[in-house]
Amino acid sequence: MYVEDEPDIQAVAKLALEMLGGFDVLICSSGAEALQQVDTFAPDLIMLDVMMPGMDGATTLQALRQIPGFAATPVVFITAKVQPQEVQHLKALGALDVIAKPFEPSTLPDKLWAIFTASA
């Protein structure tokens, strides 16, 4: 599951992850949509944008952690806010890692596989 409010980034990430990485990706345009869809989709990994209107990525993560069965689902933030203190804060919230925007579509699947398999 990728929670991202920008349609262009959604399209690029979905294409790269599905075509190059073999992921099955559900795009959610907001934190609220992710909370509605998470039970049905049951993701193995959740990617969150940090800056979104309404519910930001950190708030979305906190809400997802309250849903039975998703307290330990691996989460990766994808954000332009990658200063060391911000990355440290996001990891302290429970993220496995942080991927910087703009990301390289051709390497995004490999980065996610590496993060996901390292956590397993």
Protein backbone atom coordinates (compact mmCIF):
# COMPACT_ATOMS: atom_id res chain seq x y z
CA MET A 1 0.00 0.00 0.00
CA TYR A 2 1.31 3.45 -0.93
CA VAL A 3 -0.35 6.49 0.67
CA GLU A 4 0.49 9.53 -1.46
CA ASP A 5 -1.58 12.59 -2.36
CA GLU A 6 0.20 13.57 -5.61
CA PRO A 7 -1.29 11.78 -8.67
CA ASP A 8 1.94 11.98 -10.73
CA ILE A 9 4.00 10.40 -7.97
CA GLN A 10 1.30 7.76 -7.44
CA ALA A 11 1.42 6.77 -11.11
CA VAL A 12 5.22 6.62 -11.35
CA ALA A 13 5.61 4.65 -8.11
CA LYS A 14 2.83 2.18 -8.96
CA LEU A 15 4.26 1.52 -12.40
CA ALA A 16 7.82 1.06 -11.11
CA LEU A 17 6.83 -1.13 -8.18
CA GLU A 18 4.50 -3.38 -10.17
CA MET A 19 6.41 -3.65 -13.44
CA LEU A 20 9.97 -3.70 -12.11
CA GLY A 21 9.49 -5.06 -8.61
CA GLY A 22 6.58 -7.46 -8.87
CA PHE A 23 4.69 -5.72 -6.09
CA ASP A 24 0.89 -5.65 -5.94
CA VAL A 25 0.26 -1.98 -5.10
CA LEU A 26 -2.84 -0.27 -3.79
CA ILE A 27 -2.63 3.52 -4.00
CA CYS A 28 -4.46 5.58 -1.41
CA SER A 29 -4.67 9.34 -1.86
CA SER A 30 -5.02 10.16 1.84
CA GLY A 31 -4.53 8.78 5.30
CA ALA A 32 -8.29 8.49 5.72
CA GLU A 33 -8.53 6.39 2.55
CA ALA A 34 -5.70 4.15 3.79
CA LEU A 35 -7.56 3.54 7.05
CA GLN A 36 -10.65 2.53 5.08
CA GLN A 37 -8.77 0.21 2.70
CA VAL A 38 -6.14 -1.42 4.93
CA ASP A 39 -8.33 -4.29 6.19
CA THR A 40 -9.51 -5.22 2.72
CA PHE A 41 -6.08 -4.99 1.05
CA ALA A 42 -4.06 -6.38 4.01
CA PRO A 43 -0.66 -5.02 2.89
CA ASP A 44 2.65 -6.68 3.75
CA LEU A 45 4.32 -3.24 3.60
CA ILE A 46 2.96 0.30 3.87
CA MET A 47 4.65 3.30 2.27
CA LEU A 48 3.62 6.71 3.57
CA ASP A 49 4.16 10.22 2.30
CA VAL A 50 4.91 12.54 5.21
CA MET A 51 3.29 15.77 4.02
CA MET A 52 -0.35 15.24 3.03
CA PRO A 53 -3.39 17.45 3.52
CA GLY A 54 -5.68 16.47 6.36
CA MET A 55 -3.96 13.52 7.99
CA ASP A 56 -0.17 13.59 7.58
CA GLY A 57 1.99 10.48 7.38
CA ALA A 58 2.88 10.36 11.07
CA THR A 59 -0.77 10.65 12.11
CA THR A 60 -1.72 8.00 9.55
CA LEU A 61 0.91 5.66 10.97
CA GLN A 62 -0.38 6.17 14.52
CA ALA A 63 -3.94 5.42 13.37
CA LEU A 64 -2.87 2.34 11.41
CA ARG A 65 -1.08 0.99 14.49
CA GLN A 66 -4.41 1.06 16.37
CA ILE A 67 -6.07 -1.30 13.87
CA PRO A 68 -5.91 -4.95 14.98
CA GLY A 69 -3.49 -6.88 12.78
CA PHE A 70 -1.51 -3.83 11.64
CA ALA A 71 0.40 -2.91 14.78
CA ALA A 72 3.58 -4.44 13.36
CA THR A 73 3.13 -4.05 9.58
CA PRO A 74 6.41 -2.68 8.17
CA VAL A 75 6.25 1.00 7.23
CA VAL A 76 8.57 3.07 5.04
CA PHE A 77 8.20 6.82 4.66
CA ILE A 78 8.83 8.40 1.26
CA THR A 79 9.42 12.12 1.68
CA ALA A 80 11.39 15.16 0.63
CA LYS A 81 12.03 15.87 4.33
CA VAL A 82 15.21 13.85 4.80
CA GLN A 83 17.30 15.95 7.17
CA PRO A 84 18.94 13.66 9.77
CA GLN A 85 16.74 14.79 12.66
CA GLU A 86 13.58 14.25 10.59
CA VAL A 87 14.69 10.78 9.50
CA GLN A 88 15.51 9.93 13.12
CA HIS A 89 12.06 11.16 14.20
CA LEU A 90 10.28 9.05 11.55
CA LYS A 91 12.25 5.96 12.55
CA ALA A 92 11.40 6.65 16.20
CA LEU A 93 7.74 6.54 15.20
CA GLY A 94 8.30 3.00 13.98
CA ALA A 95 9.32 3.34 10.33
CA LEU A 96 11.84 0.81 9.03
CA ASP A 97 13.45 3.44 6.83
CA VAL A 98 12.96 6.66 4.88
CA ILE A 99 13.31 7.00 1.10
CA ALA A 100 14.05 10.47 -0.26
CA LYS A 101 11.88 12.22 -2.83
CA PRO A 102 12.39 12.62 -5.62
CA PHE A 103 13.17 8.93 -5.91
CA GLU A 104 14.60 7.11 -8.92
CA PRO A 105 11.74 4.92 -10.22
CA SER A 106 14.10 2.27 -11.60
CA THR A 107 15.73 1.70 -8.18
CA LEU A 108 12.64 2.11 -5.96
CA PRO A 109 11.61 -1.57 -6.07
CA ASP A 110 15.10 -2.78 -5.14
CA LYS A 111 15.29 -0.29 -2.26
CA LEU A 112 11.95 -1.46 -0.90
CA TRP A 113 12.84 -5.16 -1.27
CA ALA A 114 16.10 -4.55 0.57
CA ILE A 115 14.35 -2.68 3.40
CA PHE A 116 11.55 -5.26 3.64
CA THR A 117 13.81 -8.33 3.58
CA ALA A 118 16.21 -6.80 6.11
CA SER A 119 13.28 -6.45 8.53
CA ALA A 120 12.05 -10.03 8.10
